[in-house]
Protein backbone atom coordinates (compact mmCIF):
# COMPACT_ATOMS: atom_id res chain seq x y z
CA UNK A 1 -3.52 41.23 -18.21
CA UNK A 2 -5.61 41.94 -15.11
CA UNK A 3 -4.61 40.49 -11.91
CA UNK A 4 -5.93 40.02 -8.61
CA UNK A 5 -4.30 39.38 -5.01
CA UNK A 6 -6.61 38.74 -2.04
CA UNK A 7 -4.51 38.45 0.84
CA UNK A 8 -0.98 39.12 2.28
CA UNK A 9 1.03 37.60 5.50
CA UNK A 10 2.38 41.37 7.16
CA UNK A 11 5.14 42.72 5.06
CA UNK A 12 6.06 38.96 3.88
CA UNK A 13 3.91 36.72 1.60
CA UNK A 14 1.39 37.95 -1.22
CA UNK A 15 -1.16 35.34 -2.88
CA UNK A 16 -3.52 34.93 -5.64
CA UNK A 17 -6.88 36.74 -4.63
CA UNK A 18 -10.28 34.98 -4.52
CA UNK A 19 -13.44 36.00 -6.54
CA UNK A 20 -14.47 39.32 -4.89
CA UNK A 21 -16.96 40.79 -6.97
CA UNK A 22 -15.00 41.86 -10.02
CA UNK A 23 -14.45 45.64 -11.34
CA UNK A 24 -12.50 47.27 -14.04
CA UNK A 25 -11.89 50.86 -14.45
CA UNK A 26 -10.91 53.01 -17.57
CA UNK A 27 -7.28 53.17 -16.80
CA UNK A 28 -4.27 51.83 -19.17
CA UNK A 29 -2.49 50.87 -16.08
CA UNK A 30 -3.29 50.60 -12.53
CA UNK A 31 -2.55 49.16 -9.04
CA UNK A 32 -4.90 49.56 -5.72
CA UNK A 33 -3.04 48.03 -2.73
CA UNK A 34 -3.74 47.82 1.04
CA UNK A 35 -1.50 49.76 2.75
CA UNK A 36 -1.24 48.11 6.34
CA UNK A 37 -0.41 44.62 4.46
CA UNK A 38 0.74 45.50 1.39
CA UNK A 39 -1.70 43.38 -0.52
CA UNK A 40 -2.67 44.24 -4.15
CA UNK A 41 -6.27 44.22 -4.14
CA UNK A 42 -6.50 44.68 -8.34
CA UNK A 43 -4.23 45.38 -10.71
CA UNK A 44 -4.03 46.25 -14.53
CA UNK A 45 -0.43 46.09 -15.95
CA UNK A 46 1.33 47.41 -12.73
CA UNK A 47 4.51 46.67 -14.11
CA UNK A 48 4.49 48.37 -17.12
CA UNK A 49 6.73 51.55 -18.08
CA UNK A 50 4.57 54.71 -18.19
CA UNK A 51 5.33 58.30 -18.88
CA UNK A 52 4.54 59.30 -14.90
CA UNK A 53 4.21 62.94 -15.70
CA UNK A 54 3.79 64.88 -12.72
CA UNK A 55 3.24 61.80 -10.33
CA UNK A 56 6.96 61.84 -10.70
CA UNK A 57 7.07 65.00 -8.82
CA UNK A 58 6.68 62.65 -5.43
CA UNK A 59 10.28 61.61 -5.90
CA UNK A 60 11.23 64.85 -6.38
CA UNK A 61 9.23 65.77 -3.02
CA UNK A 62 10.87 62.73 -1.31
CA UNK A 63 14.52 63.91 -2.71
CA UNK A 64 13.49 67.76 -0.76
CA UNK A 65 11.79 65.82 2.45
CA UNK A 66 15.41 63.14 2.85
CA UNK A 67 17.13 66.71 2.84
CA UNK A 68 15.01 68.65 5.44
CA UNK A 69 15.20 65.58 7.57
CA UNK A 70 19.28 65.13 7.55
CA UNK A 71 19.70 69.19 7.76
CA UNK A 72 20.85 69.48 4.35
CA UNK A 73 17.90 72.02 3.69
CA UNK A 74 15.62 74.22 6.04
CA UNK A 75 12.13 75.24 5.63
CA UNK A 76 13.37 78.66 6.20
CA UNK A 77 15.77 78.78 3.99
CA UNK A 78 15.68 81.45 0.70
CA UNK A 79 16.43 80.09 -2.68
CA UNK A 80 16.67 82.32 -5.43
CA UNK A 81 14.88 81.78 -8.66
CA UNK A 82 16.97 80.89 -11.98
CA UNK A 83 16.43 81.95 -15.34
CA UNK A 84 16.25 78.31 -16.18
CA UNK A 85 13.77 77.40 -14.08
CA UNK A 86 11.44 80.43 -14.91
CA UNK A 87 11.69 79.56 -18.59
CA UNK A 88 11.06 76.01 -18.10
CA UNK A 89 9.01 75.72 -15.68
CA UNK A 90 7.32 79.57 -15.02
CA UNK A 91 4.79 81.26 -16.59
CA UNK A 92 6.34 81.42 -19.82
CA UNK A 93 6.45 77.65 -20.20
CA UNK A 94 2.83 77.46 -20.31
CA UNK A 95 2.96 74.59 -18.03
CA UNK A 96 1.95 73.97 -14.57
CA UNK A 97 3.59 76.98 -12.85
CA UNK A 98 3.85 78.15 -9.13
CA UNK A 99 4.34 81.70 -11.22
CA UNK A 100 7.55 82.50 -9.73
CA UNK A 101 9.42 85.64 -10.69
CA UNK A 102 13.06 85.33 -12.18
CA UNK A 103 15.47 86.40 -9.59
CA UNK A 104 13.04 86.25 -6.57
CA UNK A 105 14.12 84.93 -3.21
CA UNK A 106 11.61 82.35 -2.01
CA UNK A 107 11.26 80.42 1.26
CA UNK A 108 11.59 75.92 0.80
CA UNK A 109 8.04 75.85 2.11
CA UNK A 110 6.74 78.13 0.07
CA UNK A 111 8.54 75.75 -2.73
CA UNK A 112 7.61 73.05 -1.44
CA UNK A 113 3.71 73.82 -1.30
CA UNK A 114 3.89 75.05 -4.72
CA UNK A 115 5.17 71.88 -5.77
CA UNK A 116 2.94 69.63 -4.08
CA UNK A 117 -0.28 71.44 -4.30
CA UNK A 118 0.03 73.48 -7.66
CA UNK A 119 2.11 70.79 -9.42
CA UNK A 120 4.50 74.07 -10.03
CA UNK A 121 7.44 72.90 -12.56
CA UNK A 122 9.18 75.65 -11.74
CA UNK A 123 9.20 75.09 -7.87
CA UNK A 124 10.77 71.80 -8.40
CA UNK A 125 13.27 73.13 -10.67
CA UNK A 126 14.72 75.57 -8.30
CA UNK A 127 14.36 72.70 -5.76
CA UNK A 128 16.33 70.76 -7.99
CA UNK A 129 18.87 73.24 -8.52
CA UNK A 130 19.12 74.25 -4.74
CA UNK A 131 19.84 70.82 -3.81
CA UNK A 132 22.24 69.37 -6.40
CA UNK A 133 23.42 72.72 -8.73
CA UNK A 134 21.56 71.64 -11.86
CA UNK A 135 18.27 69.57 -12.67
CA UNK A 136 20.55 66.97 -14.29
CA UNK A 137 22.43 66.57 -11.38
CA UNK A 138 19.60 66.11 -9.56
CA UNK A 139 18.14 63.59 -11.67
CA UNK A 140 21.03 61.25 -11.40
CA UNK A 141 20.61 61.97 -7.44
CA UNK A 142 16.82 60.51 -7.96
CA UNK A 143 18.12 57.63 -9.75
CA UNK A 144 20.27 56.60 -6.97
CA UNK A 145 18.16 57.12 -4.23
CA UNK A 146 15.32 55.21 -6.32
CA UNK A 147 17.33 52.14 -6.66
CA UNK A 148 18.12 52.77 -2.70
CA UNK A 149 14.43 52.53 -2.20
CA UNK A 150 13.22 49.64 -3.99
CA UNK A 151 11.83 51.38 -7.07
CA UNK A 152 12.93 49.09 -9.59
CA UNK A 153 11.57 50.06 -12.90
CA UNK A 154 11.99 54.08 -12.84
CA UNK A 155 14.21 56.34 -14.53
CA UNK A 156 14.40 59.90 -14.10
CA UNK A 157 15.85 62.72 -16.42
CA UNK A 158 14.27 65.84 -14.58
CA UNK A 159 12.34 67.09 -11.56
CA UNK A 160 9.14 67.69 -12.89
CA UNK A 161 7.80 64.92 -15.00
CA UNK A 162 8.25 66.72 -18.47
CA UNK A 163 8.07 64.21 -21.24
CA UNK A 164 10.98 62.48 -22.29
CA UNK A 165 11.84 58.72 -23.76
CA UNK A 166 13.65 58.17 -20.84
CA UNK A 167 11.72 59.14 -18.08
CA UNK A 168 9.40 56.44 -16.71
CA UNK A 169 7.65 54.61 -13.73
CA UNK A 170 5.40 51.95 -13.09
CA UNK A 171 2.30 52.20 -11.21
CA UNK A 172 3.74 49.41 -8.70
CA UNK A 173 6.98 51.70 -8.27
CA UNK A 174 4.85 54.35 -7.51
CA UNK A 175 2.97 53.09 -5.00
CA UNK A 176 5.94 52.08 -3.45
CA UNK A 177 7.35 55.53 -3.59
CA UNK A 178 3.84 56.77 -1.83
CA UNK A 179 3.56 54.62 0.88
CA UNK A 180 7.19 55.45 1.98
CA UNK A 181 6.20 59.24 1.89
CA UNK A 182 3.33 58.48 4.06
CA UNK A 183 5.54 55.99 6.22
CA UNK A 184 8.50 58.06 6.59
CA UNK A 185 7.65 61.74 6.17
CA UNK A 186 4.44 62.17 8.55
CA UNK A 187 5.43 66.01 9.12
CA UNK A 188 5.30 66.83 5.36
CA UNK A 189 2.58 64.47 4.20
CA UNK A 190 -0.07 66.63 5.46
CA UNK A 191 0.75 69.19 3.05
CA UNK A 192 -0.82 67.17 0.47
CA UNK A 193 -4.23 67.72 1.78
CA UNK A 194 -4.25 71.25 1.58
CA UNK A 195 -6.62 72.24 -1.26
CA UNK A 196 -5.38 75.76 -2.39
CA UNK A 197 -2.22 77.75 -2.06
CA UNK A 198 -1.25 81.42 -2.79
CA UNK A 199 1.36 82.81 -4.02
CA UNK A 200 2.20 86.25 -5.86
CA UNK A 201 -1.59 87.02 -5.31
CA UNK A 202 -2.68 83.83 -7.40
CA UNK A 203 -4.56 81.21 -5.83
CA UNK A 204 -4.89 77.98 -7.48
CA UNK A 205 -6.56 74.94 -6.08
CA UNK A 206 -5.00 71.13 -5.60
CA UNK A 207 -5.69 69.29 -8.55
CA UNK A 208 -6.51 65.92 -6.83
CA UNK A 209 -10.01 65.07 -7.36
CA UNK A 210 -10.42 62.38 -4.40
CA UNK A 211 -9.76 65.76 -1.88
CA UNK A 212 -13.52 67.38 -3.00
CA UNK A 213 -15.48 64.35 -2.78
CA UNK A 214 -17.30 63.57 0.64
CA UNK A 215 -16.33 60.58 2.73
CA UNK A 216 -13.70 59.90 0.28
CA UNK A 217 -11.14 59.57 2.97
CA UNK A 218 -8.59 60.86 0.67
CA UNK A 219 -5.62 63.03 2.20
CA UNK A 220 -3.02 62.84 -1.11
CA UNK A 221 -0.95 62.55 -3.11
CA UNK A 222 -0.20 63.85 -6.81
CA UNK A 223 -2.27 63.86 -10.10
CA UNK A 224 -0.54 64.05 -13.44
CA UNK A 225 -1.09 64.88 -16.90
CA UNK A 226 0.67 65.12 -20.27
CA UNK A 227 -0.71 64.35 -23.64
CA UNK A 228 1.55 61.10 -24.15
CA UNK A 229 0.32 60.09 -20.34
CA UNK A 230 -3.16 60.87 -20.24
CA UNK A 231 -4.75 62.18 -17.12
CA UNK A 232 -2.99 60.01 -14.09
CA UNK A 233 -3.33 60.24 -10.17
CA UNK A 234 -1.52 58.40 -7.31
CA UNK A 235 -4.04 58.81 -4.02
CA UNK A 236 -4.19 57.62 -0.54
CA UNK A 237 -7.11 57.42 1.48
CA UNK A 238 -8.14 56.24 4.85
CA UNK A 239 -11.87 54.89 5.77
CA UNK A 240 -12.37 53.24 9.77
CA UNK A 241 -8.17 53.48 10.33
CA UNK A 242 -7.76 51.34 7.25
CA UNK A 243 -5.73 53.14 4.23
CA UNK A 244 -5.35 52.04 0.54
CA UNK A 245 -3.00 53.15 -2.22
CA UNK A 246 -3.87 53.89 -5.93
CA UNK A 247 -2.35 54.52 -8.71
CA UNK A 248 -4.09 54.62 -11.95
CA UNK A 249 -2.72 56.61 -15.43
CA UNK A 250 -3.94 56.75 -19.07
CA UNK A 251 -7.42 58.10 -18.47
CA UNK A 252 -9.08 60.31 -21.31
CA UNK A 253 -10.25 63.23 -19.14
CA UNK A 254 -10.31 64.84 -15.81
CA UNK A 255 -14.12 63.80 -15.29
CA UNK A 256 -12.66 60.53 -16.28
CA UNK A 257 -9.77 60.30 -13.51
CA UNK A 258 -12.30 61.74 -11.13
CA UNK A 259 -15.04 59.13 -11.55
CA UNK A 260 -12.69 55.88 -12.38
CA UNK A 261 -10.53 56.41 -9.28
CA UNK A 262 -13.01 57.04 -6.86
CA UNK A 263 -14.89 53.87 -8.30
CA UNK A 264 -11.82 51.84 -7.40
CA UNK A 265 -11.20 52.96 -3.65
CA UNK A 266 -15.19 52.77 -2.91
CA UNK A 267 -14.46 48.86 -4.20
CA UNK A 268 -11.47 48.55 -2.41
CA UNK A 269 -12.91 49.63 0.91
CA UNK A 270 -15.93 48.17 0.59
CA UNK A 271 -14.97 44.42 -0.89
CA UNK A 272 -12.22 43.78 1.71
CA UNK A 273 -11.12 44.03 5.10
CA UNK A 274 -8.02 43.05 7.33
CA UNK A 275 -8.13 40.76 10.20
CA UNK A 276 -4.99 40.45 12.76
CA UNK A 277 -4.98 36.57 13.55
CA UNK A 278 -1.77 37.04 15.79
CA UNK A 279 0.73 39.54 17.55
CA UNK A 280 4.47 39.09 17.76
CA UNK A 281 5.26 36.91 20.49
CA UNK A 282 1.65 35.21 20.72
CA UNK A 283 2.07 31.89 21.94
CA UNK A 284 -0.32 29.83 19.21
CA UNK A 285 -0.26 26.44 20.98
CA UNK A 286 1.92 23.99 22.36
CA UNK A 287 3.93 20.90 20.94
CA UNK A 288 4.45 17.69 22.43
CA UNK A 289 8.16 16.96 23.15
CA UNK A 290 9.90 13.16 23.24
CA UNK A 291 12.29 12.46 25.61
CA UNK A 292 12.20 16.40 27.19
CA UNK A 293 12.76 17.49 30.55
CA UNK A 294 9.37 19.08 29.81
CA UNK A 295 6.62 17.33 28.53
CA UNK A 296 5.82 20.20 25.58
CA UNK A 297 7.22 23.37 24.29
CA UNK A 298 5.46 26.68 23.43
CA UNK A 299 4.95 27.44 19.66
CA UNK A 300 5.71 31.34 19.24
CA UNK A 301 5.17 33.66 16.23
CA UNK A 302 7.67 36.01 15.86
CA UNK A 303 5.48 38.45 13.46
CA UNK A 304 2.46 40.08 13.25
CA UNK A 305 -0.08 37.96 10.93
CA UNK A 306 -2.37 40.65 9.19
CA UNK A 307 -4.36 39.09 6.47
CA UNK A 308 -6.58 41.05 3.57
CA UNK A 309 -9.44 39.17 2.69
CA UNK A 310 -12.56 39.63 0.96
CA UNK A 311 -15.86 40.71 2.96
CA UNK A 312 -17.70 37.68 1.95
CA UNK A 313 -14.88 35.12 3.01
CA UNK A 314 -13.68 37.22 6.17
CA UNK A 315 -15.18 34.54 8.69
CA UNK A 316 -14.28 31.23 6.64
CA UNK A 317 -10.77 30.72 8.11
CA UNK A 318 -9.02 27.82 8.91
CA UNK A 319 -6.02 27.92 11.07
CA UNK A 320 -3.87 24.59 11.75
CA UNK A 321 -0.52 23.70 13.15
CA UNK A 322 1.76 21.43 11.16
CA UNK A 323 4.68 19.97 13.02
CA UNK A 324 6.38 16.45 12.80
CA UNK A 325 5.86 15.30 16.16
CA UNK A 326 6.19 14.84 18.93
CA UNK A 327 9.45 16.51 18.82
CA UNK A 328 12.58 15.04 20.11
CA UNK A 329 14.58 16.82 22.67
CA UNK A 330 17.14 18.65 23.14
CA UNK A 331 15.24 21.65 21.54
CA UNK A 332 17.32 25.12 21.57
CA UNK A 333 14.68 28.25 22.14
CA UNK A 334 14.26 30.35 19.07
CA UNK A 335 14.48 27.36 16.75
CA UNK A 336 12.01 26.98 13.77
CA UNK A 337 9.92 23.62 14.53
CA UNK A 338 6.65 24.23 13.17
CA UNK A 339 4.66 26.10 11.25
CA UNK A 340 0.90 27.42 11.16
CA UNK A 341 -1.19 27.32 7.90
CA UNK A 342 -3.89 29.81 7.17
CA UNK A 343 -6.65 28.81 4.54
CA UNK A 344 -9.69 31.13 3.60
CA UNK A 345 -12.02 30.13 1.27
CA UNK A 346 -11.18 30.31 -2.32
CA UNK A 347 -7.93 31.58 -1.70
CA UNK A 348 -4.44 29.75 -1.65
CA UNK A 349 -3.03 29.10 1.80
CA UNK A 350 -0.13 30.91 3.75
CA UNK A 351 2.16 29.14 5.77
CA UNK A 352 3.88 30.81 8.80
CA UNK A 353 7.12 29.51 10.84
CA UNK A 354 6.93 28.99 14.26
CA UNK A 355 9.62 29.24 16.79
CA UNK A 356 10.60 27.25 20.27
CA UNK A 357 9.39 29.56 22.88
CA UNK A 358 11.88 28.34 25.50
CA UNK A 359 14.61 25.75 25.69
CA UNK A 360 13.71 21.99 26.55
CA UNK A 361 16.22 19.61 27.89
CA UNK A 362 17.06 15.65 27.35
CA UNK A 363 15.76 13.28 29.66
CA UNK A 364 18.84 11.82 31.82
CA UNK A 365 19.56 8.25 31.65
CA UNK A 366 16.43 7.07 34.14
CA UNK A 367 14.23 9.33 32.67
CA UNK A 368 14.72 7.84 29.13
CA UNK A 369 14.36 3.96 30.43
CA UNK A 370 11.65 5.30 31.73
CA UNK A 371 10.02 6.79 28.38
CA UNK A 372 11.19 3.54 26.64
CA UNK A 373 9.25 1.31 28.82
CA UNK A 374 6.35 3.33 28.21
CA UNK A 375 6.59 3.44 24.56
CA UNK A 376 6.95 -0.68 24.66
CA UNK A 377 3.82 -1.13 26.90
CA UNK A 378 1.73 1.84 25.47
CA UNK A 379 2.81 2.73 22.14
CA UNK A 380 4.51 6.33 20.50
CA UNK A 381 3.13 9.49 22.35
CA UNK A 382 1.36 10.47 19.18
CA UNK A 383 1.47 10.30 15.58
CA UNK A 384 3.92 12.52 13.75
CA UNK A 385 2.54 15.17 11.25
CA UNK A 386 -0.91 15.61 12.69
CA UNK A 387 -2.59 19.21 11.91
CA UNK A 388 -3.48 21.01 15.52
CA UNK A 389 -6.72 23.37 15.00
CA UNK A 390 -5.98 26.57 16.35
CA UNK A 391 -8.99 29.16 17.07
CA UNK A 392 -8.65 32.54 15.51
CA UNK A 393 -10.37 35.95 16.53
CA UNK A 394 -14.31 35.86 15.21
CA UNK A 395 -13.57 39.39 13.82
CA UNK A 396 -10.65 41.73 13.80
């Protein structure tokens, strides 16, 4: 089943999408999302368990980057290539390889490039053994870390992605992992954009097809392919400061992978845009107060509100503040007392809580008598629950 989402309250609320110009690509499963808001722009079976092939090396890389950041591992460390790594993932295996020699000492920095750029299975196994003693133990640690970082539907039995019935991920989990790598490890992420790597006098190119497309904005991450999985790609691209994350799998050829993923990325940038409506701490409007030592209280939003919307609907925003007013005093600062409702044509509304920007005390006895007299002769200050329109930026 194919689903769409069209906007998201920044790191909070996803909704169903409106009718952006539809697209479909020849992939068994895929997901495309906006990096900043997390909005899913398009998806097809994003929670289906699939053989991730070499895209699962993103998890191996995450483990290695974590070890580097903690000081457990250094880029300058020298690691010995075991015979197991050579037989399982080296030239003798016939799979993707860095062409490591058994018994050789290799720098961790070179192994990382071998893992990322040329998808070396041997490099992955050497790194796994260095960190956990064996690839089996490393896989256990991968599974522990996966749960910790929110990969809810993934399981690993090796560091390489070589086929195994119990080794699986989903497009959604891969997109989560990709986003984490970009966010948490900017000092290492740039390696994913390097187009070639040479080891043992053998130069190999990066398999990510989007890196070679002029104007694609691609700067990573990882391809994958096995006979069972088909051709896959987890990719990131940036255009005009906006980043998209794509995961697609189950395509029939390298050519199809190149064409279909490019089509989806282009569509996402073309059809959608981001708009920032409010920044954390903004006073959205004021609310009237009843029997308070101040006539009103500022309504403050506690988080950035950035929405991803179809370009065709980007100007059709209706923003309204709703509260049961007038608000009775006393009011404590930071109390949630209202909400802002954002409506975009053809989309479901989003609601964001608003808090009191200051405290308001209750009027003294004399003040309350005066307010009561005013109520008797002039009626209530305003009807409760009335919406209050709020202007928003014309463009962003």
